[in-house]
Amino acid sequence: MKNSRLLPKEKRILLELGENIKLARLRRNLTAKMLSERANISRSTLWSLESGRSNISIESLLQILSSLGMADELAQIGADDILGRKLQDAQLKNPK
């Protein structure tokens, strides 16, 4: 398996995601132990996510978001693909 080399911007995004998940957990007055048990993941997996590490699976992310009542937000990723829609429109205006 190839080692992932994240760009600085991508690392910042993961850090922000982790911080947002942690804040959502704290707003719900959940300890890391409580959330990890509800999500059926290890505390180290939750810690990895909240620390912005890139080693967690999308399945674990979904389990955490589901336990926080936020799973629908994951499904919204890419729904407002502004760049993709502009590229699509440009191709429609300039047919080959």
PDB file of N, CA and C in Angstrom:
ATOM      1  N   MET A   1       0.844  -1.181   0.000  1.00  0.00           N
ATOM      2  CA  MET A   1       0.000   0.000   0.000  1.00  0.00           C
ATOM      3  C   MET A   1       0.891   1.247   0.000  1.00  0.00           C
ATOM      4  N   LYS A   2       0.514   2.214  -0.765  1.00  0.00           N
ATOM      5  CA  LYS A   2       1.266   3.453  -0.916  1.00  0.00           C
ATOM      6  C   LYS A   2       1.021   4.358   0.289  1.00  0.00           C
ATOM      7  N   ASN A   3       2.081   5.003   0.775  1.00  0.00           N
ATOM      8  CA  ASN A   3       1.930   5.966   1.856  1.00  0.00           C
ATOM      9  C   ASN A   3       1.301   7.242   1.316  1.00  0.00           C
ATOM     10  N   SER A   4       0.335   7.758   2.050  1.00  0.00           N
ATOM     11  CA  SER A   4      -0.336   8.982   1.647  1.00  0.00           C
ATOM     12  C   SER A   4       0.522  10.185   2.016  1.00  0.00           C
ATOM     13  N   ARG A   5       0.628  11.096   1.116  1.00  0.00           N
ATOM     14  CA  ARG A   5       1.346  12.345   1.353  1.00  0.00           C
ATOM     15  C   ARG A   5       0.338  13.482   1.204  1.00  0.00           C
ATOM     16  N   LEU A   6      -0.127  13.955   2.324  1.00  0.00           N
ATOM     17  CA  LEU A   6      -1.118  15.020   2.292  1.00  0.00           C
ATOM     18  C   LEU A   6      -0.465  16.376   2.114  1.00  0.00           C
ATOM     19  N   LEU A   7      -1.119  17.214   1.362  1.00  0.00           N
ATOM     20  CA  LEU A   7      -0.692  18.600   1.211  1.00  0.00           C
ATOM     21  C   LEU A   7      -1.033  19.366   2.491  1.00  0.00           C
ATOM     22  N   PRO A   8      -0.346  20.465   2.756  1.00  0.00           N
ATOM     23  CA  PRO A   8      -0.642  21.245   3.962  1.00  0.00           C
ATOM     24  C   PRO A   8      -2.119  21.642   4.063  1.00  0.00           C
ATOM     25  N   LYS A   9      -2.724  22.020   2.943  1.00  0.00           N
ATOM     26  CA  LYS A   9      -4.141  22.400   2.973  1.00  0.00           C
ATOM     27  C   LYS A   9      -5.012  21.213   3.385  1.00  0.00           C
ATOM     28  N   GLU A  10      -4.685  20.035   2.886  1.00  0.00           N
ATOM     29  CA  GLU A  10      -5.451  18.833   3.234  1.00  0.00           C
ATOM     30  C   GLU A  10      -5.284  18.485   4.712  1.00  0.00           C
ATOM     31  N   LYS A  11      -4.083  18.686   5.244  1.00  0.00           N
ATOM     32  CA  LYS A  11      -3.853  18.453   6.673  1.00  0.00           C
ATOM     33  C   LYS A  11      -4.686  19.411   7.518  1.00  0.00           C
ATOM     34  N   ARG A  12      -4.758  20.669   7.082  1.00  0.00           N
ATOM     35  CA  ARG A  12      -5.573  21.658   7.806  1.00  0.00           C
ATOM     36  C   ARG A  12      -7.045  21.268   7.784  1.00  0.00           C
ATOM     37  N   ILE A  13      -7.505  20.740   6.654  1.00  0.00           N
ATOM     38  CA  ILE A  13      -8.908  20.321   6.548  1.00  0.00           C
ATOM     39  C   ILE A  13      -9.193  19.192   7.533  1.00  0.00           C
ATOM     40  N   LEU A  14      -8.276  18.232   7.633  1.00  0.00           N
ATOM     41  CA  LEU A  14      -8.468  17.131   8.581  1.00  0.00           C
ATOM     42  C   LEU A  14      -8.440  17.627  10.021  1.00  0.00           C
ATOM     43  N   LEU A  15      -7.557  18.566  10.311  1.00  0.00           N
ATOM     44  CA  LEU A  15      -7.523  19.147  11.661  1.00  0.00           C
ATOM     45  C   LEU A  15      -8.835  19.848  11.989  1.00  0.00           C
ATOM     46  N   GLU A  16      -9.354  20.591  11.023  1.00  0.00           N
ATOM     47  CA  GLU A  16     -10.625  21.297  11.224  1.00  0.00           C
ATOM     48  C   GLU A  16     -11.776  20.315  11.398  1.00  0.00           C
ATOM     49  N   LEU A  17     -11.799  19.265  10.594  1.00  0.00           N
ATOM     50  CA  LEU A  17     -12.828  18.234  10.729  1.00  0.00           C
ATOM     51  C   LEU A  17     -12.780  17.620  12.123  1.00  0.00           C
ATOM     52  N   GLY A  18     -11.577  17.264  12.562  1.00  0.00           N
ATOM     53  CA  GLY A  18     -11.430  16.669  13.890  1.00  0.00           C
ATOM     54  C   GLY A  18     -11.903  17.600  14.992  1.00  0.00           C
ATOM     55  N   GLU A  19     -11.533  18.851  14.875  1.00  0.00           N
ATOM     56  CA  GLU A  19     -11.954  19.836  15.884  1.00  0.00           C
ATOM     57  C   GLU A  19     -13.470  20.002  15.875  1.00  0.00           C
ATOM     58  N   ASN A  20     -14.074  20.032  14.693  1.00  0.00           N
ATOM     59  CA  ASN A  20     -15.531  20.160  14.601  1.00  0.00           C
ATOM     60  C   ASN A  20     -16.243  18.965  15.220  1.00  0.00           C
ATOM     61  N   ILE A  21     -15.717  17.764  14.990  1.00  0.00           N
ATOM     62  CA  ILE A  21     -16.299  16.553  15.590  1.00  0.00           C
ATOM     63  C   ILE A  21     -16.175  16.615  17.110  1.00  0.00           C
ATOM     64  N   LYS A  22     -15.009  17.027  17.582  1.00  0.00           N
ATOM     65  CA  LYS A  22     -14.799  17.133  19.030  1.00  0.00           C
ATOM     66  C   LYS A  22     -15.760  18.146  19.647  1.00  0.00           C
ATOM     67  N   LEU A  23     -15.909  19.299  19.012  1.00  0.00           N
ATOM     68  CA  LEU A  23     -16.834  20.312  19.529  1.00  0.00           C
ATOM     69  C   LEU A  23     -18.277  19.809  19.524  1.00  0.00           C
ATOM     70  N   ALA A  24     -18.659  19.073  18.478  1.00  0.00           N
ATOM     71  CA  ALA A  24     -20.015  18.501  18.434  1.00  0.00           C
ATOM     72  C   ALA A  24     -20.212  17.522  19.590  1.00  0.00           C
ATOM     73  N   ARG A  25     -19.183  16.729  19.884  1.00  0.00           N
ATOM     74  CA  ARG A  25     -19.255  15.783  21.002  1.00  0.00           C
ATOM     75  C   ARG A  25     -19.395  16.529  22.322  1.00  0.00           C
ATOM     76  N   LEU A  26     -18.597  17.562  22.507  1.00  0.00           N
ATOM     77  CA  LEU A  26     -18.629  18.323  23.755  1.00  0.00           C
ATOM     78  C   LEU A  26     -19.951  19.073  23.932  1.00  0.00           C
ATOM     79  N   ARG A  27     -20.498  19.604  22.838  1.00  0.00           N
ATOM     80  CA  ARG A  27     -21.800  20.286  22.928  1.00  0.00           C
ATOM     81  C   ARG A  27     -22.900  19.330  23.387  1.00  0.00           C
ATOM     82  N   ARG A  28     -22.733  18.056  23.106  1.00  0.00           N
ATOM     83  CA  ARG A  28     -23.710  17.047  23.508  1.00  0.00           C
ATOM     84  C   ARG A  28     -23.378  16.439  24.868  1.00  0.00           C
ATOM     85  N   ASN A  29     -22.366  17.008  25.525  1.00  0.00           N
ATOM     86  CA  ASN A  29     -21.915  16.535  26.837  1.00  0.00           C
ATOM     87  C   ASN A  29     -21.559  15.056  26.836  1.00  0.00           C
ATOM     88  N   LEU A  30     -20.896  14.621  25.771  1.00  0.00           N
ATOM     89  CA  LEU A  30     -20.459  13.236  25.669  1.00  0.00           C
ATOM     90  C   LEU A  30     -18.962  13.156  25.917  1.00  0.00           C
ATOM     91  N   THR A  31     -18.543  12.186  26.707  1.00  0.00           N
ATOM     92  CA  THR A  31     -17.121  11.933  26.864  1.00  0.00           C
ATOM     93  C   THR A  31     -16.647  11.135  25.654  1.00  0.00           C
ATOM     94  N   ALA A  32     -15.344  11.083  25.475  1.00  0.00           N
ATOM     95  CA  ALA A  32     -14.780  10.286  24.377  1.00  0.00           C
ATOM     96  C   ALA A  32     -15.161   8.818  24.553  1.00  0.00           C
ATOM     97  N   LYS A  33     -15.167   8.360  25.785  1.00  0.00           N
ATOM     98  CA  LYS A  33     -15.542   6.965  26.058  1.00  0.00           C
ATOM     99  C   LYS A  33     -16.986   6.708  25.659  1.00  0.00           C
ATOM    100  N   MET A  34     -17.881   7.620  26.030  1.00  0.00           N
ATOM    101  CA  MET A  34     -19.301   7.446  25.702  1.00  0.00           C
ATOM    102  C   MET A  34     -19.513   7.408  24.199  1.00  0.00           C
ATOM    103  N   LEU A  35     -18.899   8.348  23.470  1.00  0.00           N
ATOM    104  CA  LEU A  35     -19.101   8.399  22.025  1.00  0.00           C
ATOM    105  C   LEU A  35     -18.488   7.183  21.343  1.00  0.00           C
ATOM    106  N   SER A  36     -17.320   6.783  21.770  1.00  0.00           N
ATOM    107  CA  SER A  36     -16.696   5.621  21.138  1.00  0.00           C
ATOM    108  C   SER A  36     -17.530   4.361  21.373  1.00  0.00           C
ATOM    109  N   GLU A  37     -18.126   4.233  22.540  1.00  0.00           N
ATOM    110  CA  GLU A  37     -18.997   3.087  22.803  1.00  0.00           C
ATOM    111  C   GLU A  37     -20.253   3.145  21.944  1.00  0.00           C
ATOM    112  N   ARG A  38     -20.851   4.313  21.837  1.00  0.00           N
ATOM    113  CA  ARG A  38     -22.055   4.466  21.003  1.00  0.00           C
ATOM    114  C   ARG A  38     -21.764   4.205  19.535  1.00  0.00           C
ATOM    115  N   ALA A  39     -20.580   4.612  19.078  1.00  0.00           N
ATOM    116  CA  ALA A  39     -20.212   4.442  17.676  1.00  0.00           C
ATOM    117  C   ALA A  39     -19.609   3.062  17.403  1.00  0.00           C
ATOM    118  N   ASN A  40     -19.390   2.300  18.464  1.00  0.00           N
ATOM    119  CA  ASN A  40     -18.807   0.961  18.359  1.00  0.00           C
ATOM    120  C   ASN A  40     -17.411   1.002  17.715  1.00  0.00           C
ATOM    121  N   ILE A  41     -16.632   1.957  18.183  1.00  0.00           N
ATOM    122  CA  ILE A  41     -15.244   2.102  17.728  1.00  0.00           C
ATOM    123  C   ILE A  41     -14.357   2.213  18.964  1.00  0.00           C
ATOM    124  N   SER A  42     -13.063   2.111  18.765  1.00  0.00           N
ATOM    125  CA  SER A  42     -12.145   2.263  19.894  1.00  0.00           C
ATOM    126  C   SER A  42     -11.960   3.747  20.217  1.00  0.00           C
ATOM    127  N   ARG A  43     -11.560   4.004  21.452  1.00  0.00           N
ATOM    128  CA  ARG A  43     -11.285   5.387  21.832  1.00  0.00           C
ATOM    129  C   ARG A  43     -10.109   5.936  21.047  1.00  0.00           C
ATOM    130  N   SER A  44      -9.164   5.076  20.703  1.00  0.00           N
ATOM    131  CA  SER A  44      -8.007   5.552  19.928  1.00  0.00           C
ATOM    132  C   SER A  44      -8.424   5.979  18.520  1.00  0.00           C
ATOM    133  N   THR A  45      -9.434   5.308  17.952  1.00  0.00           N
ATOM    134  CA  THR A  45      -9.941   5.717  16.636  1.00  0.00           C
ATOM    135  C   THR A  45     -10.594   7.092  16.730  1.00  0.00           C
ATOM    136  N   LEU A  46     -11.395   7.290  17.767  1.00  0.00           N
ATOM    137  CA  LEU A  46     -12.026   8.598  17.972  1.00  0.00           C
ATOM    138  C   LEU A  46     -10.958   9.660  18.203  1.00  0.00           C
ATOM    139  N   TRP A  47      -9.957   9.341  18.999  1.00  0.00           N
ATOM    140  CA  TRP A  47      -8.880  10.293  19.250  1.00  0.00           C
ATOM    141  C   TRP A  47      -8.166  10.643  17.945  1.00  0.00           C
ATOM    142  N   SER A  48      -7.933   9.637  17.106  1.00  0.00           N
ATOM    143  CA  SER A  48      -7.275   9.887  15.820  1.00  0.00           C
ATOM    144  C   SER A  48      -8.077  10.862  14.970  1.00  0.00           C
ATOM    145  N   LEU A  49      -9.380  10.662  14.913  1.00  0.00           N
ATOM    146  CA  LEU A  49     -10.229  11.564  14.127  1.00  0.00           C
ATOM    147  C   LEU A  49     -10.195  12.973  14.704  1.00  0.00           C
ATOM    148  N   GLU A  50     -10.393  13.076  16.015  1.00  0.00           N
ATOM    149  CA  GLU A  50     -10.430  14.395  16.644  1.00  0.00           C
ATOM    150  C   GLU A  50      -9.073  15.104  16.574  1.00  0.00           C
ATOM    151  N   SER A  51      -8.012  14.355  16.383  1.00  0.00           N
ATOM    152  CA  SER A  51      -6.665  14.935  16.265  1.00  0.00           C
ATOM    153  C   SER A  51      -6.305  15.278  14.826  1.00  0.00           C
ATOM    154  N   GLY A  52      -7.188  14.964  13.894  1.00  0.00           N
ATOM    155  CA  GLY A  52      -6.932  15.299  12.500  1.00  0.00           C
ATOM    156  C   GLY A  52      -6.054  14.306  11.773  1.00  0.00           C
ATOM    157  N   ARG A  53      -5.929  13.115  12.303  1.00  0.00           N
ATOM    158  CA  ARG A  53      -5.115  12.100  11.635  1.00  0.00           C
ATOM    159  C   ARG A  53      -5.893  11.510  10.471  1.00  0.00           C
ATOM    160  N   SER A  54      -5.162  10.991   9.496  1.00  0.00           N
ATOM    161  CA  SER A  54      -5.793  10.503   8.273  1.00  0.00           C
ATOM    162  C   SER A  54      -5.946   8.985   8.239  1.00  0.00           C
ATOM    163  N   ASN A  55      -5.765   8.329   9.364  1.00  0.00           N
ATOM    164  CA  ASN A  55      -5.740   6.872   9.373  1.00  0.00           C
ATOM    165  C   ASN A  55      -7.079   6.218   9.701  1.00  0.00           C
ATOM    166  N   ILE A  56      -8.171   6.961   9.730  1.00  0.00           N
ATOM    167  CA  ILE A  56      -9.442   6.328  10.060  1.00  0.00           C
ATOM    168  C   ILE A  56     -10.236   6.046   8.792  1.00  0.00           C
ATOM    169  N   SER A  57     -11.087   5.049   8.872  1.00  0.00           N
ATOM    170  CA  SER A  57     -11.879   4.660   7.706  1.00  0.00           C
ATOM    171  C   SER A  57     -13.124   5.531   7.593  1.00  0.00           C
ATOM    172  N   ILE A  58     -13.670   5.556   6.413  1.00  0.00           N
ATOM    173  CA  ILE A  58     -14.918   6.296   6.206  1.00  0.00           C
ATOM    174  C   ILE A  58     -16.050   5.629   6.989  1.00  0.00           C
ATOM    175  N   GLU A  59     -15.936   4.327   7.187  1.00  0.00           N
ATOM    176  CA  GLU A  59     -16.932   3.609   8.002  1.00  0.00           C
ATOM    177  C   GLU A  59     -16.917   4.121   9.439  1.00  0.00           C
ATOM    178  N   SER A  60     -15.732   4.307  10.001  1.00  0.00           N
ATOM    179  CA  SER A  60     -15.630   4.841  11.361  1.00  0.00           C
ATOM    180  C   SER A  60     -16.167   6.259  11.427  1.00  0.00           C
ATOM    181  N   LEU A  61     -15.854   7.058  10.428  1.00  0.00           N
ATOM    182  CA  LEU A  61     -16.378   8.422  10.375  1.00  0.00           C
ATOM    183  C   LEU A  61     -17.898   8.409  10.357  1.00  0.00           C
ATOM    184  N   LEU A  62     -18.478   7.541   9.548  1.00  0.00           N
ATOM    185  CA  LEU A  62     -19.931   7.447   9.474  1.00  0.00           C
ATOM    186  C   LEU A  62     -20.523   7.003  10.807  1.00  0.00           C
ATOM    187  N   GLN A  63     -19.885   6.056  11.482  1.00  0.00           N
ATOM    188  CA  GLN A  63     -20.390   5.591  12.771  1.00  0.00           C
ATOM    189  C   GLN A  63     -20.361   6.718  13.807  1.00  0.00           C
ATOM    190  N   ILE A  64     -19.305   7.503  13.793  1.00  0.00           N
ATOM    191  CA  ILE A  64     -19.202   8.630  14.720  1.00  0.00           C
ATOM    192  C   ILE A  64     -20.272   9.664  14.412  1.00  0.00           C
ATOM    193  N   LEU A  65     -20.399  10.041  13.144  1.00  0.00           N
ATOM    194  CA  LEU A  65     -21.408  11.031  12.761  1.00  0.00           C
ATOM    195  C   LEU A  65     -22.819  10.532  13.071  1.00  0.00           C
ATOM    196  N   SER A  66     -23.083   9.269  12.844  1.00  0.00           N
ATOM    197  CA  SER A  66     -24.401   8.696  13.162  1.00  0.00           C
ATOM    198  C   SER A  66     -24.687   8.809  14.648  1.00  0.00           C
ATOM    199  N   SER A  67     -23.681   8.522  15.463  1.00  0.00           N
ATOM    200  CA  SER A  67     -23.858   8.587  16.913  1.00  0.00           C
ATOM    201  C   SER A  67     -24.088  10.016  17.396  1.00  0.00           C
ATOM    202  N   LEU A  68     -23.624  10.972  16.629  1.00  0.00           N
ATOM    203  CA  LEU A  68     -23.842  12.387  16.969  1.00  0.00           C
ATOM    204  C   LEU A  68     -25.115  12.946  16.324  1.00  0.00           C
ATOM    205  N   GLY A  69     -25.797  12.135  15.513  1.00  0.00           N
ATOM    206  CA  GLY A  69     -26.991  12.610  14.808  1.00  0.00           C
ATOM    207  C   GLY A  69     -26.643  13.482  13.619  1.00  0.00           C
ATOM    208  N   MET A  70     -25.468  13.269  13.028  1.00  0.00           N
ATOM    209  CA  MET A  70     -24.994  14.123  11.946  1.00  0.00           C
ATOM    210  C   MET A  70     -24.682  13.356  10.667  1.00  0.00           C
ATOM    211  N   ALA A  71     -25.157  12.130  10.535  1.00  0.00           N
ATOM    212  CA  ALA A  71     -24.814  11.292   9.380  1.00  0.00           C
ATOM    213  C   ALA A  71     -25.268  11.912   8.061  1.00  0.00           C
ATOM    214  N   ASP A  72     -26.375  12.622   8.070  1.00  0.00           N
ATOM    215  CA  ASP A  72     -26.868  13.232   6.836  1.00  0.00           C
ATOM    216  C   ASP A  72     -25.893  14.265   6.278  1.00  0.00           C
ATOM    217  N   GLU A  73     -25.080  14.855   7.142  1.00  0.00           N
ATOM    218  CA  GLU A  73     -24.106  15.844   6.671  1.00  0.00           C
ATOM    219  C   GLU A  73     -23.042  15.196   5.798  1.00  0.00           C
ATOM    220  N   LEU A  74     -22.694  13.942   6.076  1.00  0.00           N
ATOM    221  CA  LEU A  74     -21.722  13.241   5.243  1.00  0.00           C
ATOM    222  C   LEU A  74     -22.271  13.033   3.840  1.00  0.00           C
ATOM    223  N   ALA A  75     -23.556  12.753   3.752  1.00  0.00           N
ATOM    224  CA  ALA A  75     -24.182  12.532   2.450  1.00  0.00           C
ATOM    225  C   ALA A  75     -24.245  13.807   1.611  1.00  0.00           C
ATOM    226  N   GLN A  76     -24.082  14.960   2.235  1.00  0.00           N
ATOM    227  CA  GLN A  76     -24.164  16.236   1.516  1.00  0.00           C
ATOM    228  C   GLN A  76     -22.844  16.627   0.845  1.00  0.00           C
ATOM    229  N   ILE A  77     -21.775  15.895   1.142  1.00  0.00           N
ATOM    230  CA  ILE A  77     -20.483  16.224   0.533  1.00  0.00           C
ATOM    231  C   ILE A  77     -20.595  16.084  -0.985  1.00  0.00           C
ATOM    232  N   GLY A  78     -20.239  17.104  -1.669  1.00  0.00           N
ATOM    233  CA  GLY A  78     -20.277  17.103  -3.132  1.00  0.00           C
ATOM    234  C   GLY A  78     -21.628  17.456  -3.723  1.00  0.00           C
ATOM    235  N   ALA A  79     -22.632  17.637  -2.892  1.00  0.00           N
ATOM    236  CA  ALA A  79     -23.970  17.952  -3.416  1.00  0.00           C
ATOM    237  C   ALA A  79     -23.976  19.304  -4.133  1.00  0.00           C
ATOM    238  N   ASP A  80     -23.245  20.262  -3.608  1.00  0.00           N
ATOM    239  CA  ASP A  80     -23.148  21.583  -4.227  1.00  0.00           C
ATOM    240  C   ASP A  80     -21.798  21.707  -4.920  1.00  0.00           C
ATOM    241  N   ASP A  81     -21.619  20.944  -5.955  1.00  0.00           N
ATOM    242  CA  ASP A  81     -20.354  20.895  -6.699  1.00  0.00           C
ATOM    243  C   ASP A  81     -20.313  22.055  -7.691  1.00  0.00           C
ATOM    244  N   ILE A  82     -19.985  23.227  -7.191  1.00  0.00           N
ATOM    245  CA  ILE A  82     -20.021  24.445  -8.000  1.00  0.00           C
ATOM    246  C   ILE A  82     -19.051  24.362  -9.179  1.00  0.00           C
ATOM    247  N   LEU A  83     -17.812  23.944  -8.918  1.00  0.00           N
ATOM    248  CA  LEU A  83     -16.832  23.850 -10.004  1.00  0.00           C
ATOM    249  C   LEU A  83     -17.264  22.816 -11.037  1.00  0.00           C
ATOM    250  N   GLY A  84     -17.706  21.666 -10.597  1.00  0.00           N
ATOM    251  CA  GLY A  84     -18.147  20.622 -11.518  1.00  0.00           C
ATOM    252  C   GLY A  84     -19.306  21.070 -12.391  1.00  0.00           C
ATOM    253  N   ARG A  85     -20.225  21.810 -11.795  1.00  0.00           N
ATOM    254  CA  ARG A  85     -21.372  22.303 -12.571  1.00  0.00           C
ATOM    255  C   ARG A  85     -20.944  23.350 -13.599  1.00  0.00           C
ATOM    256  N   LYS A  86     -19.991  24.196 -13.233  1.00  0.00           N
ATOM    257  CA  LYS A  86     -19.490  25.182 -14.187  1.00  0.00           C
ATOM    258  C   LYS A  86     -18.786  24.500 -15.355  1.00  0.00           C
ATOM    259  N   LEU A  87     -17.992  23.480 -15.047  1.00  0.00           N
ATOM    260  CA  LEU A  87     -17.314  22.734 -16.112  1.00  0.00           C
ATOM    261  C   LEU A  87     -18.327  22.032 -17.014  1.00  0.00           C
ATOM    262  N   GLN A  88     -19.344  21.479 -16.427  1.00  0.00           N
ATOM    263  CA  GLN A  88     -20.393  20.806 -17.200  1.00  0.00           C
ATOM    264  C   GLN A  88     -21.109  21.808 -18.098  1.00  0.00           C
ATOM    265  N   ASP A  89     -21.445  22.959 -17.546  1.00  0.00           N
ATOM    266  CA  ASP A  89     -22.118  23.990 -18.338  1.00  0.00           C
ATOM    267  C   ASP A  89     -21.230  24.472 -19.480  1.00  0.00           C
ATOM    268  N   ALA A  90     -19.939  24.603 -19.228  1.00  0.00           N
ATOM    269  CA  ALA A  90     -19.016  25.047 -20.275  1.00  0.00           C
ATOM    270  C   ALA A  90     -18.962  24.033 -21.414  1.00  0.00           C
ATOM    271  N   GLN A  91     -19.016  22.779 -21.094  1.00  0.00           N
ATOM    272  CA  GLN A  91     -19.006  21.752 -22.135  1.00  0.00           C
ATOM    273  C   GLN A  91     -20.299  21.762 -22.941  1.00  0.00           C
ATOM    274  N   LEU A  92     -21.406  22.097 -22.297  1.00  0.00           N
ATOM    275  CA  LEU A  92     -22.671  22.159 -23.003  1.00  0.00           C
ATOM    276  C   LEU A  92     -22.727  23.338 -23.969  1.00  0.00           C
ATOM    277  N   LYS A  93     -22.056  24.430 -23.595  1.00  0.00           N
ATOM    278  CA  LYS A  93     -22.045  25.621 -24.437  1.00  0.00           C
ATOM    279  C   LYS A  93     -21.117  25.461 -25.630  1.00  0.00           C
ATOM    280  N   ASN A  94     -20.101  24.634 -25.507  1.00  0.00           N
ATOM    281  CA  ASN A  94     -19.120  24.441 -26.558  1.00  0.00           C
ATOM    282  C   ASN A  94     -19.084  22.981 -27.014  1.00  0.00           C
ATOM    283  N   PRO A  95     -20.141  22.520 -27.680  1.00  0.00           N
ATOM    284  CA  PRO A  95     -20.127  21.105 -28.105  1.00  0.00           C
ATOM    285  C   PRO A  95     -19.047  20.893 -29.158  1.00  0.00           C
ATOM    286  N   LYS A  96     -18.522  19.686 -29.188  1.00  0.00           N
ATOM    287  CA  LYS A  96     -17.448  19.351 -30.141  1.00  0.00           C
ATOM    288  C   LYS A  96     -17.952  19.194 -31.540  1.00  0.00           C
TER     289      LYS A  96
END
